[in-house]
Structure formats: structure tokens, C-alpha cells
Amino acid sequence: MTSPPAGGRGLRGGGVGSGVRLGTFPPPAPPASGRGEEVGACLALAFPDRVSRRRDQSGENWISAGGRGFRLDPHSPLARAEWLAVGEVGGTAAGARILSAAEIGRETVEALFADRISSGTRVEFDPATRGVRASHGRRLGAILLSGGQDSKPDPAQVAAALVEGVRTHGLDLLPWSDAARSLRRRAGFARAFEPALPDLSDEALLATLDDWLPLLAAGKRRLTDIDPGALSGTLEAMLGWEGKQKVDRLAPASFETPAGSTHAIDYEAEAGPTVTARVQAFFGLSEHPTVAGIPLVLSLTSPAGRPIQTTRDLPGFWAGSWTAVAKEMRGRYPRHPWPEDPAAADPTLRTKKAAARRP
């Protein structure tokens, strides 16, 4: 590290700033006091979006006029500065580190960039809270020069910030209900058989975000304030009555076993649409169940819910490995039925004793 010029503190790395000719830039007003301030002014004019202000007492975190967050070694002499003109950074996103910079005074910054300083209210989305931060005052880009929090921002600005937050950070920030998530998955499966069905994928919903989300975000301060039922209703409106009927037919939400129990169909399972249920619930079924003409993946479990077989061919399982499975299960679960011919047996979720008492 080289010694900073007299009159200010500087950090150099990689020769940044060596190609800057002082004579090519207008002098700041008020005039810079000292060589260090001149270096800072030159760097600021060369890289205006990198002009940065300290964000904490340690001097480790900085916010730039361009909106990027920078980091600096808190043991650096520059960490005590309030403002820096940054020449070079390394890394990307929030992890970018300041490699070369010079201290610059606030008065010089405001004089150099007077035409870039704006006044008013800014509403920004905060992904951590899924809400907005509103502040009013004077700003140089993303840097707040003076002002404070705005407790009553323009509702239209708030709604717009929420929409932009979803556009930037993704649809998962929205309070989708389980039913809405299921409908989107089922619609995606059904579109493989009915391409004319509306597309409810992430890509499609983000592409049409301005058509459906502003109305839901109106009057809200956080995305979590949006009614999950309203989100579901929006999806159903996109599908329309006829589209919803097609999705229900091609990709039903659940499967009812011969024993009368209802189980959700998992359309995200790697093996394909999958139903998990106790094997006794499928007794009496001699044909394999399907959705949209393709076999459901049956994840058959013991009475304790432990997996014992996964199959796309239930009749083949009954006629094949069932004998060995049943023999093992009789020893583990003697109170439950394990018939020789399950395809002809009565489906049940009861023990043998309970089934015998049943009128």
C-alpha cells in the first residue's frame, strides 16, 4: 500500500486512477483543498456511480450512488471516512470489496453532482420483510443525503414497489395457499395434454405480472397482506370455467381409494404423479388407476406408514411379489389383513378384529 497524498487519505490498488488526467475535469466548487481532495474529485467524476457513503460505525459497509453495496476492511484508514470516491472493486453483488478509493468531502460531492441530486419520496421493496421502506429527503442516486422515514407514502408508489419486488425476487414471496400451489402444478401437468390451457408457470405469470398483481397489491403495505384466497381466485379466473374443468379432469387434485380414503396426488414427484396410501386401501382393485391416461405411481405403505412397494402396475404386483411382501408383513403387523388374493379382497383401513365387529 502506498502512502496517501498529503491533505487526504487514499488507498490504491492495480494502478486505478493512473490514467486520469486532472486537467480534463472541471474543478469542484467549492475548490478542493489539498491534493487528496483532488484525487477524490477525479475518481468521483470518472466513476460517479461508485461514489459511496459509509453505512455503519465500523466502516465495513458502504452504499454507492449506483445502488450497489460495497465492503471495506474495517482496519483500513479509509474506514473512518464518511464518503469515498471508489476507483476499483472486486467481486460481485453484496460481496464486492473496495480495492481502490480516495476520501472525498460531502461538500465536494454535492458540488460535483448538484445536477444529480433529487428531492422527494422514495419507496423501496425490502425482501426480508416482504414490505416497503419509504423515505423522503434529498438523494444522490441510492444515497440519502438528508431526510427521514415517510409514514404515509403514496399508495400507488407502494403498490408499484410491491409489484417490482415480486418481479425482481420471484413469485415465492407471494402468500400462495396450498390449494393455489396445487392448482398451478396440476395446470402445468394438464397443459402437456391440452396445450391451449392457460400457462400458470413462473415464467408466464412474471411475464404478465402487470396484468394481475397491481390490483391485488392495491392498498397493501406488504405482500403478506394479500389475501391468499384472492390469489387463488386470480388463478382460477385466468383458467376460466372451461379451463378449470379440463384441469380437474386431466389432473385431479386427489385420488379416492377403494377403501374410501382420499389422498392428494403429488404432481411434482420425480417418478410422475404419485399417490401414497396404505396397501390395504387398494384391496379389490384389479386395474391400475390412471390420470390423463397414464398410470399413477402408487407408493404403497404398511399400516405404520412405512413404504413397502412403489408400482405402476398394481395387478402385476398382486400377481407377483405380493406373496413375499404379505408373508413378511404378517409377522410385523399380525392384526391387519394380508390376504392371499388382494385383488379379490375387501379394501379396509381397519384391523382384522375391528373389521369382524363391523355390522
Protein backbone atom coordinates (compact mmCIF):
# COMPACT_ATOMS: atom_id res chain seq x y z
CA MET A 1 0.00 0.00 0.00
CA THR A 2 1.39 3.41 -0.91
CA SER A 3 1.18 6.44 1.30
CA PRO A 4 -1.81 8.68 0.59
CA PRO A 5 -1.22 12.10 -0.88
CA ALA A 6 -0.92 14.98 1.52
CA GLY A 7 -4.17 16.53 2.62
CA GLY A 8 -6.29 13.35 2.49
CA ARG A 9 -6.31 9.58 2.80
CA GLY A 10 -6.18 7.28 -0.18
CA LEU A 11 -5.99 3.57 -0.97
CA ARG A 12 -4.55 2.48 -4.27
CA GLY A 13 -4.69 -0.90 -5.97
CA GLY A 14 -3.97 -2.02 -9.50
CA GLY A 15 -2.93 1.46 -10.58
CA VAL A 16 -6.52 2.69 -10.70
CA GLY A 17 -6.67 6.38 -11.45
CA SER A 18 -3.25 6.47 -13.10
CA GLY A 19 -4.91 7.12 -16.45
CA VAL A 20 -6.96 10.06 -15.15
CA ARG A 21 -5.75 13.44 -16.33
CA LEU A 22 -6.61 16.12 -13.82
CA GLY A 23 -6.79 18.82 -16.47
CA THR A 24 -9.69 17.15 -18.25
CA PHE A 25 -12.18 17.62 -15.40
CA PRO A 26 -13.82 20.82 -14.15
CA PRO A 27 -12.70 21.80 -10.64
CA PRO A 28 -15.19 21.18 -7.87
CA ALA A 29 -16.93 24.10 -6.25
CA PRO A 30 -16.01 24.94 -3.64
CA PRO A 31 -12.42 24.35 -4.74
CA ALA A 32 -10.77 21.20 -3.45
CA SER A 33 -8.50 21.77 -0.53
CA GLY A 34 -5.38 19.70 -0.98
CA ARG A 35 -4.03 17.01 -3.23
CA GLY A 36 -6.11 14.23 -1.57
CA GLU A 37 -9.37 16.02 -2.31
CA GLU A 38 -8.30 16.45 -5.93
CA VAL A 39 -7.73 12.70 -6.26
CA GLY A 40 -11.14 12.03 -4.74
CA ALA A 41 -12.80 14.52 -7.10
CA CYS A 42 -11.12 12.95 -10.13
CA LEU A 43 -12.17 9.44 -9.11
CA ALA A 44 -15.71 10.63 -8.40
CA LEU A 45 -16.02 12.20 -11.85
CA ALA A 46 -14.51 9.13 -13.50
CA PHE A 47 -16.80 6.70 -11.63
CA PRO A 48 -19.85 8.67 -10.41
CA ASP A 49 -21.92 5.57 -9.68
CA ARG A 50 -19.21 4.36 -7.27
CA VAL A 51 -19.28 7.41 -5.01
CA SER A 52 -20.11 5.79 -1.67
CA ARG A 53 -21.23 6.68 1.83
CA ARG A 54 -20.45 4.74 4.99
CA ARG A 55 -23.38 2.71 6.35
CA ASP A 56 -22.09 1.68 9.78
CA GLN A 57 -19.71 2.77 12.50
CA SER A 58 -17.08 0.17 11.62
CA GLY A 59 -16.71 1.45 8.08
CA GLU A 60 -17.08 -2.06 6.70
CA ASN A 61 -20.32 -1.49 4.77
CA TRP A 62 -20.90 1.20 2.16
CA ILE A 63 -23.74 2.18 -0.17
CA SER A 64 -22.90 3.59 -3.59
CA ALA A 65 -24.81 6.16 -5.59
CA GLY A 66 -25.43 3.45 -8.17
CA GLY A 67 -27.17 1.29 -5.58
CA ARG A 68 -24.51 -1.38 -5.07
CA GLY A 69 -23.32 -2.27 -1.61
CA PHE A 70 -19.55 -2.33 -1.11
CA ARG A 71 -17.38 -3.68 1.70
CA LEU A 72 -14.12 -2.34 3.06
CA ASP A 73 -11.58 -3.75 5.52
CA PRO A 74 -12.63 -2.06 8.79
CA HIS A 75 -8.93 -1.76 9.72
CA SER A 76 -8.24 0.43 6.70
CA PRO A 77 -7.62 4.13 7.44
CA LEU A 78 -10.38 4.84 4.91
CA ALA A 79 -12.92 3.10 7.14
CA ARG A 80 -13.07 6.30 9.25
CA ALA A 81 -14.14 8.39 6.26
CA GLU A 82 -17.77 9.37 5.71
CA TRP A 83 -17.53 9.48 1.91
CA LEU A 84 -15.31 7.67 -0.60
CA ALA A 85 -14.72 8.03 -4.31
CA VAL A 86 -14.22 4.38 -5.31
CA GLY A 87 -11.97 3.56 -8.24
CA GLU A 88 -11.98 -0.23 -8.25
CA VAL A 89 -13.96 -3.03 -6.64
CA GLY A 90 -13.55 -6.79 -6.69
CA GLY A 91 -16.30 -9.39 -6.58
CA THR A 92 -19.98 -9.10 -7.37
CA ALA A 93 -23.27 -8.23 -5.69
CA ALA A 94 -23.19 -7.60 -1.93
CA GLY A 95 -19.76 -9.18 -1.58
CA ALA A 96 -17.94 -6.58 -3.73
CA ARG A 97 -14.89 -5.26 -1.91
CA ILE A 98 -13.34 -1.84 -2.33
CA LEU A 99 -9.85 -2.26 -3.78
CA SER A 100 -9.02 1.33 -4.62
CA ALA A 101 -10.55 4.56 -3.29
CA ALA A 102 -9.88 8.06 -2.01
CA GLU A 103 -11.65 10.07 0.66
CA ILE A 104 -13.86 12.89 -0.55
CA GLY A 105 -15.83 15.50 1.36
CA ARG A 106 -19.59 15.77 1.31
CA GLU A 107 -19.41 19.37 0.16
CA THR A 108 -17.31 18.34 -2.82
CA VAL A 109 -19.74 15.51 -3.68
CA GLU A 110 -22.73 17.85 -3.57
CA ALA A 111 -20.91 20.46 -5.66
CA LEU A 112 -19.75 17.97 -8.29
CA PHE A 113 -23.14 16.28 -8.66
CA ALA A 114 -25.59 19.07 -7.89
CA ASP A 115 -27.49 18.26 -11.09
CA ARG A 116 -27.94 14.64 -9.99
CA ILE A 117 -29.33 15.34 -6.54
CA SER A 118 -33.08 14.87 -6.33
CA SER A 119 -35.67 15.56 -3.66
CA GLY A 120 -38.86 13.70 -2.84
CA THR A 121 -40.13 10.39 -1.51
CA ARG A 122 -38.63 7.04 -2.44
CA VAL A 123 -40.41 3.75 -1.84
CA GLU A 124 -38.23 0.64 -1.91
CA PHE A 125 -39.07 -3.03 -1.56
CA ASP A 126 -37.49 -4.99 1.30
CA PRO A 127 -37.40 -8.74 0.50
CA ALA A 128 -36.64 -9.58 4.14
CA THR A 129 -39.97 -8.19 5.36
CA ARG A 130 -41.82 -8.54 2.03
CA GLY A 131 -42.85 -4.94 2.58
CA VAL A 132 -41.68 -1.45 1.63
CA ARG A 133 -39.44 1.21 3.11
CA ALA A 134 -40.46 4.77 2.39
CA SER A 135 -38.19 7.75 2.95
CA HIS A 136 -38.27 11.41 1.96
CA GLY A 137 -35.40 13.83 1.51
CA ARG A 138 -32.50 14.68 -0.78
CA ARG A 139 -30.74 11.85 -2.59
CA LEU A 140 -27.74 11.25 -4.77
CA GLY A 141 -28.85 8.12 -6.53
CA ALA A 142 -29.32 5.47 -3.83
CA ILE A 143 -27.61 7.59 -1.15
CA LEU A 144 -29.86 9.52 1.22
CA LEU A 145 -28.22 12.90 1.91
CA SER A 146 -30.82 14.23 4.31
CA GLY A 147 -34.35 13.38 5.34
CA GLY A 148 -36.15 10.57 7.16
CA GLN A 149 -38.82 7.93 7.04
CA ASP A 150 -42.16 8.64 5.37
CA SER A 151 -45.02 7.10 7.35
CA LYS A 152 -47.66 7.89 4.73
CA PRO A 153 -46.23 7.16 1.28
CA ASP A 154 -48.35 7.35 -1.86
CA PRO A 155 -50.36 4.08 -2.03
CA ALA A 156 -49.76 3.88 -5.79
CA GLN A 157 -46.00 4.03 -5.21
CA VAL A 158 -46.26 1.34 -2.54
CA ALA A 159 -48.23 -0.98 -4.83
CA ALA A 160 -45.76 -0.38 -7.65
CA ALA A 161 -42.84 -1.21 -5.32
CA LEU A 162 -44.53 -4.46 -4.25
CA VAL A 163 -45.01 -5.45 -7.87
CA GLU A 164 -41.37 -4.67 -8.67
CA GLY A 165 -40.32 -6.66 -5.62
CA VAL A 166 -42.05 -9.75 -6.98
CA ARG A 167 -40.63 -9.12 -10.45
CA THR A 168 -37.11 -8.95 -9.01
CA HIS A 169 -37.23 -11.58 -6.26
CA GLY A 170 -39.74 -14.09 -7.56
CA LEU A 171 -43.28 -15.36 -7.09
CA ASP A 172 -42.43 -17.37 -3.98
CA LEU A 173 -42.71 -14.14 -1.96
CA LEU A 174 -46.46 -14.17 -2.51
CA PRO A 175 -48.68 -15.91 0.11
CA TRP A 176 -49.84 -18.80 -2.08
CA SER A 177 -52.20 -21.23 -0.39
CA ASP A 178 -51.63 -24.97 -0.68
CA ALA A 179 -54.65 -25.13 -2.99
CA ALA A 180 -53.19 -22.43 -5.27
CA ARG A 181 -49.81 -24.15 -5.47
CA SER A 182 -51.56 -27.42 -6.25
CA LEU A 183 -53.66 -25.79 -8.98
CA ARG A 184 -50.54 -24.38 -10.64
CA ARG A 185 -48.82 -27.77 -10.58
CA ARG A 186 -51.91 -29.52 -11.93
CA ALA A 187 -52.37 -26.95 -14.67
CA GLY A 188 -48.76 -27.46 -15.72
CA PHE A 189 -49.30 -31.22 -15.94
CA ALA A 190 -52.58 -30.82 -17.83
CA ARG A 191 -51.01 -28.50 -20.42
CA ALA A 192 -48.92 -31.41 -21.68
CA PHE A 193 -52.20 -32.90 -22.92
CA GLU A 194 -54.13 -29.67 -23.61
CA PRO A 195 -51.59 -27.06 -24.83
CA ALA A 196 -54.36 -24.50 -25.25
CA LEU A 197 -54.80 -24.26 -21.48
CA PRO A 198 -53.53 -21.00 -19.94
CA ASP A 199 -49.94 -21.17 -18.70
CA LEU A 200 -49.59 -20.69 -14.94
CA SER A 201 -45.84 -21.29 -14.79
CA ASP A 202 -43.47 -18.85 -13.08
CA GLU A 203 -42.28 -17.55 -16.42
CA ALA A 204 -45.78 -16.90 -17.71
CA LEU A 205 -47.03 -15.26 -14.51
CA LEU A 206 -43.99 -13.00 -14.31
CA ALA A 207 -44.39 -12.02 -17.95
CA THR A 208 -47.98 -10.91 -17.25
CA LEU A 209 -47.32 -9.55 -13.74
CA ASP A 210 -48.60 -6.07 -14.56
CA ASP A 211 -51.91 -7.53 -15.71
CA TRP A 212 -52.90 -9.23 -12.43
CA LEU A 213 -50.74 -8.28 -9.43
CA PRO A 214 -51.31 -4.47 -9.16
CA LEU A 215 -54.98 -4.98 -8.33
CA LEU A 216 -54.11 -7.48 -5.57
CA ALA A 217 -51.36 -5.20 -4.19
CA ALA A 218 -53.52 -2.05 -4.12
CA GLY A 219 -53.85 -0.69 -0.59
CA LYS A 220 -51.34 -3.17 0.87
CA ARG A 221 -48.04 -2.40 2.63
CA ARG A 222 -46.67 -5.95 2.50
CA LEU A 223 -47.05 -8.89 0.15
CA THR A 224 -48.21 -10.93 3.15
CA ASP A 225 -51.21 -8.61 3.39
CA ILE A 226 -52.53 -10.02 0.10
CA ASP A 227 -55.43 -12.42 0.63
CA PRO A 228 -54.37 -15.99 -0.35
CA GLY A 229 -57.95 -16.61 -1.42
CA ALA A 230 -57.72 -13.67 -3.83
CA LEU A 231 -54.55 -15.18 -5.32
CA SER A 232 -56.35 -18.49 -5.86
CA GLY A 233 -59.29 -16.66 -7.40
CA THR A 234 -56.94 -14.87 -9.79
CA LEU A 235 -55.52 -18.20 -10.99
CA GLU A 236 -59.00 -19.63 -11.49
CA ALA A 237 -60.04 -16.52 -13.43
CA MET A 238 -57.01 -16.99 -15.70
CA LEU A 239 -58.06 -20.58 -16.39
CA GLY A 240 -61.73 -19.76 -16.84
CA TRP A 241 -64.57 -22.17 -16.05
CA GLU A 242 -63.88 -24.43 -19.02
CA GLY A 243 -60.15 -24.49 -18.36
CA LYS A 244 -60.70 -25.35 -14.71
CA GLN A 245 -62.92 -28.26 -15.72
CA LYS A 246 -60.23 -29.57 -18.06
CA VAL A 247 -57.58 -29.34 -15.36
CA ASP A 248 -59.82 -31.18 -12.89
CA ARG A 249 -60.42 -33.91 -15.46
CA LEU A 250 -56.85 -34.34 -16.67
CA ALA A 251 -55.09 -33.67 -13.36
CA PRO A 252 -57.41 -34.24 -10.40
CA ALA A 253 -56.18 -32.90 -7.09
CA SER A 254 -56.70 -36.16 -5.23
CA PHE A 255 -57.39 -39.88 -5.61
CA GLU A 256 -60.03 -41.82 -3.69
CA THR A 257 -59.02 -45.37 -2.83
CA PRO A 258 -61.44 -48.31 -2.89
CA ALA A 259 -61.47 -48.06 0.92
CA GLY A 260 -62.90 -44.54 0.66
CA SER A 261 -59.83 -42.63 1.82
CA THR A 262 -58.78 -39.56 -0.15
CA HIS A 263 -55.14 -38.77 -0.88
CA ALA A 264 -53.51 -35.80 -2.62
CA ILE A 265 -51.76 -36.54 -5.90
CA ASP A 266 -48.19 -35.28 -5.93
CA TYR A 267 -47.55 -33.83 -9.40
CA GLU A 268 -44.02 -32.78 -8.51
CA ALA A 269 -42.77 -36.27 -7.70
CA GLU A 270 -39.77 -37.23 -9.80
CA ALA A 271 -41.35 -40.54 -10.82
CA GLY A 272 -44.56 -38.85 -12.04
CA PRO A 273 -47.96 -38.17 -10.44
CA THR A 274 -47.84 -40.14 -7.19
CA VAL A 275 -50.33 -41.26 -4.56
CA THR A 276 -49.17 -42.52 -1.18
CA ALA A 277 -51.56 -44.72 0.83
CA ARG A 278 -51.78 -47.92 2.87
CA VAL A 279 -51.76 -51.02 0.72
CA GLN A 280 -54.98 -52.37 2.33
CA ALA A 281 -56.84 -49.37 0.86
CA PHE A 282 -56.23 -50.79 -2.64
CA PHE A 283 -57.57 -54.29 -1.99
CA GLY A 284 -60.18 -55.24 -4.55
CA LEU A 285 -58.60 -53.12 -7.28
CA SER A 286 -57.76 -55.24 -10.32
CA GLU A 287 -56.95 -52.38 -12.72
CA HIS A 288 -54.22 -49.82 -12.24
CA PRO A 289 -55.55 -46.25 -11.75
CA THR A 290 -54.53 -43.53 -14.23
CA VAL A 291 -54.56 -39.76 -14.71
CA ALA A 292 -54.77 -38.36 -18.24
CA GLY A 293 -54.35 -41.92 -19.47
CA ILE A 294 -51.00 -42.53 -17.78
CA PRO A 295 -50.51 -44.83 -14.76
CA LEU A 296 -50.45 -43.22 -11.35
CA VAL A 297 -47.39 -44.07 -9.33
CA LEU A 298 -48.69 -45.88 -6.25
CA SER A 299 -46.50 -45.62 -3.18
CA LEU A 300 -47.91 -48.41 -1.03
CA THR A 301 -47.23 -48.32 2.70
CA SER A 302 -47.58 -50.52 5.74
CA PRO A 303 -50.19 -49.76 8.45
CA ALA A 304 -47.43 -47.71 10.15
CA GLY A 305 -46.94 -45.60 7.02
CA ARG A 306 -43.61 -47.16 6.04
CA PRO A 307 -43.09 -47.73 2.29
CA ILE A 308 -43.30 -51.34 1.16
CA GLN A 309 -43.72 -51.04 -2.63
CA THR A 310 -43.85 -48.48 -5.43
CA THR A 311 -45.60 -49.60 -8.58
CA ARG A 312 -47.11 -48.51 -11.88
CA ASP A 313 -48.62 -51.99 -12.34
CA LEU A 314 -50.85 -52.93 -9.41
CA PRO A 315 -52.24 -56.16 -10.99
CA GLY A 316 -48.67 -57.25 -11.69
CA PHE A 317 -47.72 -56.56 -8.06
CA TRP A 318 -50.70 -58.56 -6.78
CA ALA A 319 -49.77 -61.49 -9.00
CA GLY A 320 -46.00 -61.22 -8.42
CA SER A 321 -44.11 -60.02 -5.39
CA TRP A 322 -47.19 -59.58 -3.18
CA THR A 323 -46.83 -63.11 -1.81
CA ALA A 324 -43.37 -62.38 -0.40
CA VAL A 325 -44.40 -58.94 0.87
CA ALA A 326 -47.52 -60.29 2.58
CA LYS A 327 -45.54 -63.06 4.28
CA GLU A 328 -43.15 -60.53 5.81
CA MET A 329 -45.92 -58.10 6.76
CA ARG A 330 -48.00 -60.78 8.56
CA GLY A 331 -45.15 -61.16 11.04
CA ARG A 332 -44.82 -57.40 11.58
CA TYR A 333 -48.50 -56.42 11.58
CA PRO A 334 -50.47 -59.53 12.58
CA ARG A 335 -53.60 -57.54 13.47
CA HIS A 336 -54.05 -56.36 9.87
CA PRO A 337 -55.32 -58.40 6.90
CA TRP A 338 -52.79 -59.77 4.38
CA PRO A 339 -54.95 -61.89 2.04
CA GLU A 340 -53.59 -64.35 -0.49
CA ASP A 341 -55.61 -62.71 -3.28
CA PRO A 342 -55.74 -58.95 -2.59
CA ALA A 343 -57.40 -58.23 -5.95
CA ALA A 344 -60.49 -60.09 -4.71
CA ALA A 345 -60.35 -58.93 -1.07
CA ASP A 346 -62.39 -56.16 0.51
CA PRO A 347 -60.50 -52.87 0.89
CA THR A 348 -60.18 -51.78 4.51
CA LEU A 349 -58.30 -49.47 6.84
CA ARG A 350 -59.33 -51.48 9.91
CA THR A 351 -57.63 -54.25 11.82
CA LYS A 352 -59.00 -57.78 11.43
CA LYS A 353 -60.74 -57.63 14.83
CA ALA A 354 -62.33 -54.25 14.10
CA ALA A 355 -63.45 -55.45 10.68
CA ALA A 356 -65.06 -58.52 12.25
CA ARG A 357 -67.07 -56.37 14.71
CA ARG A 358 -68.24 -54.09 11.93
CA PRO A 359 -72.01 -54.60 11.36
